[in-house]
Amino acid sequence: MEDKLKLENQICFKIYSAERKITKLYRNLLDDLDVTYPQYLVLLVLWEKDVTSVKELGEKLFLDSGTLTPMLKRMEGNSLIERNRSREDERSVIISLTPKGRQLKEKAECIPTQLLDNLSMDYQELQAFNRTLTRIMENIP
């Protein structure tokens, strides 16, 4: 009978370990962009949707404002984004890309391919894995 409590049988540990290794890969790939992995995630959201609120960004990235605010300040200091109060609701902070932030998108377009090369997986395998992870996330309350 399989030992359910062996570390190698824990899905949580496999996900945790994979996340750490993938984040390390990204860190190396992002050196040329001079952004951190969490900053890259912010840029990905903004490249899709040029403008968003801090609240929406936090919901999308599963981060609270206490984590986002210092990172967004650094990104603003590096001229990647602008932060402004909403005209409709002064409590809401709106994030938008600067021209420099938009220009990074072109430089970043090679990252998904480079990541795929480093994972030694083909595109179909990665897509299937992505669908499985999405299903897991959708089913966790």
N, C-alpha and C. Protein backbone atom coordinates (compact mmCIF):
# COMPACT_ATOMS: atom_id res chain seq x y z
N MET A 1 0.84 -1.19 0.00
CA MET A 1 0.00 0.00 0.00
C MET A 1 0.88 1.25 0.00
N GLU A 2 0.46 2.25 -0.76
CA GLU A 2 1.19 3.50 -0.88
C GLU A 2 1.12 4.29 0.43
N ASP A 3 2.25 4.87 0.84
CA ASP A 3 2.28 5.69 2.05
C ASP A 3 1.79 7.10 1.70
N LYS A 4 0.59 7.43 2.14
CA LYS A 4 -0.04 8.71 1.81
C LYS A 4 0.70 9.90 2.40
N LEU A 5 1.50 9.66 3.42
CA LEU A 5 2.19 10.76 4.08
C LEU A 5 3.65 10.91 3.66
N LYS A 6 4.07 10.21 2.64
CA LYS A 6 5.42 10.41 2.12
C LYS A 6 5.47 11.75 1.40
N LEU A 7 6.54 12.47 1.62
CA LEU A 7 6.69 13.79 1.00
C LEU A 7 6.51 13.72 -0.51
N GLU A 8 7.10 12.73 -1.14
CA GLU A 8 7.03 12.63 -2.61
C GLU A 8 5.61 12.36 -3.12
N ASN A 9 4.70 11.99 -2.25
CA ASN A 9 3.31 11.75 -2.64
C ASN A 9 2.41 12.96 -2.40
N GLN A 10 2.96 14.06 -1.93
CA GLN A 10 2.17 15.25 -1.61
C GLN A 10 2.10 16.19 -2.81
N ILE A 11 0.90 16.39 -3.34
CA ILE A 11 0.72 17.30 -4.47
C ILE A 11 1.11 18.73 -4.08
N CYS A 12 0.83 19.10 -2.82
CA CYS A 12 1.17 20.46 -2.37
C CYS A 12 2.68 20.70 -2.48
N PHE A 13 3.47 19.68 -2.14
CA PHE A 13 4.93 19.84 -2.21
C PHE A 13 5.40 19.91 -3.67
N LYS A 14 4.78 19.12 -4.53
CA LYS A 14 5.16 19.16 -5.95
C LYS A 14 4.86 20.53 -6.55
N ILE A 15 3.69 21.08 -6.22
CA ILE A 15 3.32 22.40 -6.74
C ILE A 15 4.26 23.46 -6.17
N TYR A 16 4.53 23.39 -4.87
CA TYR A 16 5.43 24.33 -4.21
C TYR A 16 6.83 24.27 -4.84
N SER A 17 7.35 23.07 -5.02
CA SER A 17 8.70 22.90 -5.58
C SER A 17 8.75 23.38 -7.03
N ALA A 18 7.74 23.04 -7.80
CA ALA A 18 7.69 23.47 -9.21
C ALA A 18 7.61 25.00 -9.29
N GLU A 19 6.80 25.59 -8.42
CA GLU A 19 6.66 27.06 -8.42
C GLU A 19 8.00 27.72 -8.13
N ARG A 20 8.73 27.21 -7.17
CA ARG A 20 10.04 27.78 -6.83
C ARG A 20 11.02 27.67 -8.01
N LYS A 21 11.03 26.51 -8.65
CA LYS A 21 11.95 26.32 -9.78
C LYS A 21 11.56 27.18 -10.97
N ILE A 22 10.27 27.27 -11.24
CA ILE A 22 9.81 28.09 -12.38
C ILE A 22 10.06 29.56 -12.11
N THR A 23 9.84 30.00 -10.87
CA THR A 23 10.11 31.40 -10.52
C THR A 23 11.59 31.71 -10.70
N LYS A 24 12.45 30.76 -10.35
CA LYS A 24 13.90 30.95 -10.54
C LYS A 24 14.23 31.08 -12.03
N LEU A 25 13.60 30.25 -12.86
CA LEU A 25 13.80 30.36 -14.30
C LEU A 25 13.37 31.74 -14.79
N TYR A 26 12.20 32.17 -14.35
CA TYR A 26 11.72 33.50 -14.75
C TYR A 26 12.68 34.58 -14.31
N ARG A 27 13.19 34.47 -13.08
CA ARG A 27 14.11 35.48 -12.57
C ARG A 27 15.27 35.66 -13.55
N ASN A 28 15.83 34.54 -14.02
CA ASN A 28 16.94 34.62 -14.98
C ASN A 28 16.50 35.24 -16.30
N LEU A 29 15.30 34.88 -16.76
CA LEU A 29 14.80 35.42 -18.03
C LEU A 29 14.46 36.91 -17.93
N LEU A 30 14.11 37.36 -16.74
CA LEU A 30 13.67 38.75 -16.56
C LEU A 30 14.81 39.73 -16.29
N ASP A 31 16.02 39.20 -16.14
CA ASP A 31 17.17 40.08 -15.88
C ASP A 31 17.30 41.17 -16.95
N ASP A 32 17.11 40.79 -18.21
CA ASP A 32 17.24 41.77 -19.30
C ASP A 32 16.19 42.87 -19.24
N LEU A 33 15.05 42.55 -18.66
CA LEU A 33 13.99 43.55 -18.54
C LEU A 33 14.17 44.44 -17.31
N ASP A 34 15.02 44.00 -16.40
CA ASP A 34 15.26 44.70 -15.15
C ASP A 34 13.98 44.83 -14.31
N VAL A 35 13.20 43.73 -14.29
CA VAL A 35 12.01 43.67 -13.44
C VAL A 35 12.04 42.37 -12.65
N THR A 36 11.36 42.38 -11.52
CA THR A 36 11.24 41.17 -10.71
C THR A 36 10.08 40.34 -11.25
N TYR A 37 9.98 39.12 -10.78
CA TYR A 37 8.88 38.25 -11.20
C TYR A 37 7.51 38.85 -10.85
N PRO A 38 7.30 39.34 -9.60
CA PRO A 38 6.00 39.96 -9.31
C PRO A 38 5.72 41.20 -10.17
N GLN A 39 6.75 41.98 -10.47
CA GLN A 39 6.57 43.13 -11.36
C GLN A 39 6.19 42.68 -12.76
N TYR A 40 6.77 41.60 -13.21
CA TYR A 40 6.42 41.02 -14.52
C TYR A 40 4.94 40.64 -14.55
N LEU A 41 4.44 40.07 -13.46
CA LEU A 41 3.02 39.71 -13.40
C LEU A 41 2.15 40.95 -13.52
N VAL A 42 2.54 42.03 -12.86
CA VAL A 42 1.80 43.30 -12.98
C VAL A 42 1.82 43.77 -14.43
N LEU A 43 2.99 43.71 -15.06
CA LEU A 43 3.10 44.15 -16.45
C LEU A 43 2.23 43.28 -17.36
N LEU A 44 2.20 41.98 -17.11
CA LEU A 44 1.35 41.11 -17.94
C LEU A 44 -0.10 41.56 -17.88
N VAL A 45 -0.58 41.87 -16.68
CA VAL A 45 -1.97 42.35 -16.55
C VAL A 45 -2.16 43.65 -17.31
N LEU A 46 -1.21 44.57 -17.17
CA LEU A 46 -1.35 45.87 -17.82
C LEU A 46 -1.15 45.80 -19.33
N TRP A 47 -0.36 44.87 -19.81
CA TRP A 47 -0.22 44.71 -21.26
C TRP A 47 -1.52 44.22 -21.87
N GLU A 48 -2.30 43.49 -21.09
CA GLU A 48 -3.62 43.04 -21.55
C GLU A 48 -4.63 44.17 -21.47
N LYS A 49 -4.52 44.98 -20.44
CA LYS A 49 -5.59 45.91 -20.07
C LYS A 49 -5.01 47.25 -19.66
N ASP A 50 -4.25 47.90 -20.44
CA ASP A 50 -3.54 49.15 -20.21
C ASP A 50 -3.78 49.87 -18.87
N VAL A 51 -5.00 49.83 -18.33
CA VAL A 51 -5.34 50.54 -17.09
C VAL A 51 -6.13 49.61 -16.18
N THR A 52 -5.83 49.64 -14.88
CA THR A 52 -6.59 48.85 -13.91
C THR A 52 -6.47 49.51 -12.54
N SER A 53 -7.34 49.13 -11.64
CA SER A 53 -7.24 49.65 -10.26
C SER A 53 -6.34 48.72 -9.44
N VAL A 54 -5.82 49.25 -8.35
CA VAL A 54 -5.01 48.43 -7.45
C VAL A 54 -5.87 47.26 -6.94
N LYS A 55 -7.13 47.53 -6.64
CA LYS A 55 -8.01 46.48 -6.14
C LYS A 55 -8.17 45.36 -7.17
N GLU A 56 -8.45 45.71 -8.43
CA GLU A 56 -8.60 44.71 -9.48
C GLU A 56 -7.30 43.93 -9.69
N LEU A 57 -6.20 44.64 -9.65
CA LEU A 57 -4.89 44.01 -9.82
C LEU A 57 -4.65 43.00 -8.71
N GLY A 58 -4.93 43.40 -7.48
CA GLY A 58 -4.76 42.50 -6.34
C GLY A 58 -5.62 41.26 -6.46
N GLU A 59 -6.85 41.42 -6.90
CA GLU A 59 -7.75 40.28 -7.08
C GLU A 59 -7.22 39.34 -8.16
N LYS A 60 -6.74 39.90 -9.23
CA LYS A 60 -6.25 39.09 -10.35
C LYS A 60 -4.98 38.32 -9.97
N LEU A 61 -4.10 38.96 -9.19
CA LEU A 61 -2.81 38.36 -8.83
C LEU A 61 -2.82 37.69 -7.46
N PHE A 62 -3.96 37.72 -6.77
CA PHE A 62 -4.08 37.15 -5.42
C PHE A 62 -3.08 37.80 -4.46
N LEU A 63 -2.96 39.12 -4.54
CA LEU A 63 -2.07 39.88 -3.67
C LEU A 63 -2.85 40.97 -2.96
N ASP A 64 -2.50 41.26 -1.71
CA ASP A 64 -3.19 42.34 -1.00
C ASP A 64 -2.49 43.67 -1.26
N SER A 65 -3.17 44.76 -0.90
CA SER A 65 -2.61 46.08 -1.19
C SER A 65 -1.33 46.34 -0.41
N GLY A 66 -1.17 45.72 0.76
CA GLY A 66 0.06 45.87 1.53
C GLY A 66 1.27 45.31 0.80
N THR A 67 1.05 44.30 -0.02
CA THR A 67 2.12 43.71 -0.83
C THR A 67 2.29 44.50 -2.13
N LEU A 68 1.18 44.89 -2.72
CA LEU A 68 1.22 45.58 -4.01
C LEU A 68 1.78 47.00 -3.92
N THR A 69 1.37 47.75 -2.90
CA THR A 69 1.72 49.17 -2.85
C THR A 69 3.22 49.45 -2.93
N PRO A 70 4.07 48.78 -2.11
CA PRO A 70 5.51 49.07 -2.23
C PRO A 70 6.08 48.67 -3.61
N MET A 71 5.59 47.56 -4.15
CA MET A 71 6.06 47.12 -5.46
C MET A 71 5.65 48.14 -6.53
N LEU A 72 4.42 48.61 -6.47
CA LEU A 72 3.93 49.58 -7.46
C LEU A 72 4.69 50.90 -7.33
N LYS A 73 5.06 51.28 -6.12
CA LYS A 73 5.86 52.50 -5.93
C LYS A 73 7.22 52.36 -6.60
N ARG A 74 7.84 51.16 -6.45
CA ARG A 74 9.13 50.93 -7.12
C ARG A 74 8.97 50.97 -8.64
N MET A 75 7.89 50.36 -9.13
CA MET A 75 7.66 50.36 -10.57
C MET A 75 7.42 51.78 -11.09
N GLU A 76 6.73 52.59 -10.29
CA GLU A 76 6.51 53.99 -10.66
C GLU A 76 7.85 54.73 -10.65
N GLY A 77 8.69 54.46 -9.65
CA GLY A 77 10.01 55.07 -9.58
C GLY A 77 10.90 54.71 -10.76
N ASN A 78 10.65 53.52 -11.33
CA ASN A 78 11.40 53.07 -12.52
C ASN A 78 10.71 53.48 -13.82
N SER A 79 9.69 54.32 -13.71
CA SER A 79 8.95 54.87 -14.86
C SER A 79 8.25 53.81 -15.71
N LEU A 80 7.83 52.71 -15.08
CA LEU A 80 7.10 51.66 -15.79
C LEU A 80 5.59 51.87 -15.74
N ILE A 81 5.13 52.45 -14.63
CA ILE A 81 3.70 52.68 -14.44
C ILE A 81 3.47 54.07 -13.85
N GLU A 82 2.21 54.48 -13.90
CA GLU A 82 1.76 55.68 -13.20
C GLU A 82 0.64 55.27 -12.27
N ARG A 83 0.60 55.90 -11.10
CA ARG A 83 -0.48 55.66 -10.13
C ARG A 83 -1.22 56.98 -9.94
N ASN A 84 -2.54 56.94 -10.10
CA ASN A 84 -3.36 58.14 -9.92
C ASN A 84 -4.65 57.77 -9.20
N ARG A 85 -5.17 58.70 -8.44
CA ARG A 85 -6.47 58.51 -7.80
C ARG A 85 -7.56 58.55 -8.87
N SER A 86 -8.55 57.70 -8.68
CA SER A 86 -9.69 57.67 -9.58
C SER A 86 -10.48 58.97 -9.46
N ARG A 87 -10.95 59.48 -10.57
CA ARG A 87 -11.79 60.69 -10.54
C ARG A 87 -13.17 60.38 -9.98
N GLU A 88 -13.63 59.12 -10.21
CA GLU A 88 -14.95 58.72 -9.74
C GLU A 88 -14.96 58.37 -8.25
N ASP A 89 -13.86 57.81 -7.77
CA ASP A 89 -13.78 57.36 -6.38
C ASP A 89 -12.37 57.63 -5.85
N GLU A 90 -12.22 58.69 -5.07
CA GLU A 90 -10.91 59.09 -4.55
C GLU A 90 -10.19 57.99 -3.77
N ARG A 91 -10.94 57.01 -3.25
CA ARG A 91 -10.32 55.92 -2.49
C ARG A 91 -9.61 54.93 -3.40
N SER A 92 -9.96 54.92 -4.66
CA SER A 92 -9.42 53.96 -5.62
C SER A 92 -8.19 54.53 -6.33
N VAL A 93 -7.14 53.70 -6.41
CA VAL A 93 -5.92 54.09 -7.13
C VAL A 93 -5.89 53.34 -8.46
N ILE A 94 -5.68 54.10 -9.52
CA ILE A 94 -5.66 53.55 -10.87
C ILE A 94 -4.21 53.43 -11.33
N ILE A 95 -3.89 52.28 -11.90
CA ILE A 95 -2.54 52.00 -12.40
C ILE A 95 -2.59 51.99 -13.92
N SER A 96 -1.63 52.65 -14.56
CA SER A 96 -1.55 52.63 -16.02
C SER A 96 -0.08 52.52 -16.45
N LEU A 97 0.11 52.03 -17.64
CA LEU A 97 1.46 51.89 -18.19
C LEU A 97 2.00 53.23 -18.67
N THR A 98 3.28 53.41 -18.53
CA THR A 98 3.97 54.54 -19.15
C THR A 98 4.44 54.06 -20.52
N PRO A 99 4.93 54.97 -21.35
CA PRO A 99 5.51 54.52 -22.63
C PRO A 99 6.64 53.49 -22.42
N LYS A 100 7.47 53.70 -21.40
CA LYS A 100 8.56 52.75 -21.10
C LYS A 100 7.97 51.38 -20.75
N GLY A 101 6.90 51.35 -19.96
CA GLY A 101 6.24 50.10 -19.60
C GLY A 101 5.66 49.39 -20.82
N ARG A 102 5.09 50.17 -21.74
CA ARG A 102 4.54 49.59 -22.98
C ARG A 102 5.66 49.02 -23.86
N GLN A 103 6.78 49.71 -23.92
CA GLN A 103 7.91 49.27 -24.75
C GLN A 103 8.51 47.96 -24.27
N LEU A 104 8.43 47.69 -22.98
CA LEU A 104 8.98 46.44 -22.45
C LEU A 104 8.26 45.21 -23.00
N LYS A 105 7.02 45.39 -23.43
CA LYS A 105 6.25 44.26 -23.93
C LYS A 105 6.96 43.60 -25.11
N GLU A 106 7.46 44.41 -26.01
CA GLU A 106 8.16 43.87 -27.18
C GLU A 106 9.39 43.07 -26.76
N LYS A 107 10.12 43.58 -25.78
CA LYS A 107 11.31 42.90 -25.29
C LYS A 107 10.96 41.60 -24.56
N ALA A 108 9.76 41.55 -23.97
CA ALA A 108 9.34 40.39 -23.18
C ALA A 108 8.71 39.28 -24.02
N GLU A 109 8.42 39.54 -25.27
CA GLU A 109 7.69 38.56 -26.09
C GLU A 109 8.42 37.24 -26.24
N CYS A 110 9.71 37.20 -26.05
CA CYS A 110 10.49 35.97 -26.18
C CYS A 110 10.43 35.11 -24.91
N ILE A 111 9.99 35.67 -23.80
CA ILE A 111 10.04 34.97 -22.51
C ILE A 111 9.23 33.67 -22.50
N PRO A 112 7.98 33.65 -22.97
CA PRO A 112 7.25 32.38 -22.95
C PRO A 112 7.96 31.27 -23.74
N THR A 113 8.53 31.60 -24.87
CA THR A 113 9.24 30.60 -25.67
C THR A 113 10.49 30.13 -24.95
N GLN A 114 11.22 31.06 -24.35
CA GLN A 114 12.43 30.69 -23.61
C GLN A 114 12.08 29.81 -22.41
N LEU A 115 10.98 30.13 -21.74
CA LEU A 115 10.55 29.30 -20.62
C LEU A 115 10.22 27.90 -21.09
N LEU A 116 9.48 27.80 -22.17
CA LEU A 116 9.11 26.50 -22.73
C LEU A 116 10.36 25.68 -23.07
N ASP A 117 11.35 26.33 -23.65
CA ASP A 117 12.61 25.64 -23.98
C ASP A 117 13.29 25.11 -22.71
N ASN A 118 13.25 25.90 -21.64
CA ASN A 118 13.88 25.49 -20.38
C ASN A 118 13.12 24.37 -19.68
N LEU A 119 11.83 24.25 -19.94
CA LEU A 119 11.02 23.22 -19.29
C LEU A 119 11.10 21.88 -20.01
N SER A 120 11.68 21.87 -21.19
CA SER A 120 11.76 20.64 -22.00
C SER A 120 10.39 20.00 -22.18
N MET A 121 9.40 20.83 -22.45
CA MET A 121 8.04 20.37 -22.72
C MET A 121 7.62 20.97 -24.06
N ASP A 122 6.71 20.28 -24.75
CA ASP A 122 6.20 20.92 -25.95
C ASP A 122 4.97 21.75 -25.59
N TYR A 123 4.54 22.56 -26.52
CA TYR A 123 3.45 23.50 -26.27
C TYR A 123 2.17 22.80 -25.84
N GLN A 124 1.85 21.68 -26.47
CA GLN A 124 0.62 20.95 -26.13
C GLN A 124 0.67 20.43 -24.69
N GLU A 125 1.82 19.91 -24.27
CA GLU A 125 1.96 19.44 -22.89
C GLU A 125 1.75 20.58 -21.90
N LEU A 126 2.36 21.71 -22.20
CA LEU A 126 2.24 22.85 -21.31
C LEU A 126 0.80 23.35 -21.25
N GLN A 127 0.11 23.37 -22.38
CA GLN A 127 -1.30 23.80 -22.42
C GLN A 127 -2.18 22.84 -21.61
N ALA A 128 -1.93 21.55 -21.73
CA ALA A 128 -2.70 20.57 -20.96
C ALA A 128 -2.45 20.76 -19.46
N PHE A 129 -1.21 20.98 -19.10
CA PHE A 129 -0.87 21.22 -17.69
C PHE A 129 -1.54 22.50 -17.19
N ASN A 130 -1.53 23.53 -18.02
CA ASN A 130 -2.17 24.79 -17.67
C ASN A 130 -3.67 24.60 -17.44
N ARG A 131 -4.33 23.83 -18.28
CA ARG A 131 -5.77 23.55 -18.11
C ARG A 131 -6.02 22.79 -16.80
N THR A 132 -5.14 21.84 -16.47
CA THR A 132 -5.28 21.09 -15.23
C THR A 132 -5.14 22.01 -14.02
N LEU A 133 -4.12 22.88 -14.03
CA LEU A 133 -3.94 23.82 -12.93
C LEU A 133 -5.12 24.78 -12.80
N THR A 134 -5.63 25.23 -13.93
CA THR A 134 -6.80 26.11 -13.92
C THR A 134 -8.00 25.41 -13.28
N ARG A 135 -8.21 24.16 -13.65
CA ARG A 135 -9.32 23.39 -13.08
C ARG A 135 -9.16 23.22 -11.57
N ILE A 136 -7.93 22.94 -11.13
CA ILE A 136 -7.65 22.82 -9.70
C ILE A 136 -7.98 24.13 -9.00
N MET A 137 -7.50 25.26 -9.54
CA MET A 137 -7.74 26.55 -8.91
C MET A 137 -9.23 26.90 -8.86
N GLU A 138 -9.94 26.56 -9.90
CA GLU A 138 -11.38 26.85 -9.94
C GLU A 138 -12.17 26.01 -8.93
N ASN A 139 -11.65 24.86 -8.59
CA ASN A 139 -12.37 23.95 -7.68
C ASN A 139 -12.00 24.13 -6.21
N ILE A 140 -11.01 24.95 -5.93
CA ILE A 140 -10.65 25.19 -4.53
C ILE A 140 -11.49 26.35 -4.01
N PRO A 141 -12.23 26.09 -2.93
CA PRO A 141 -13.11 27.16 -2.40
C PRO A 141 -12.34 28.34 -1.85
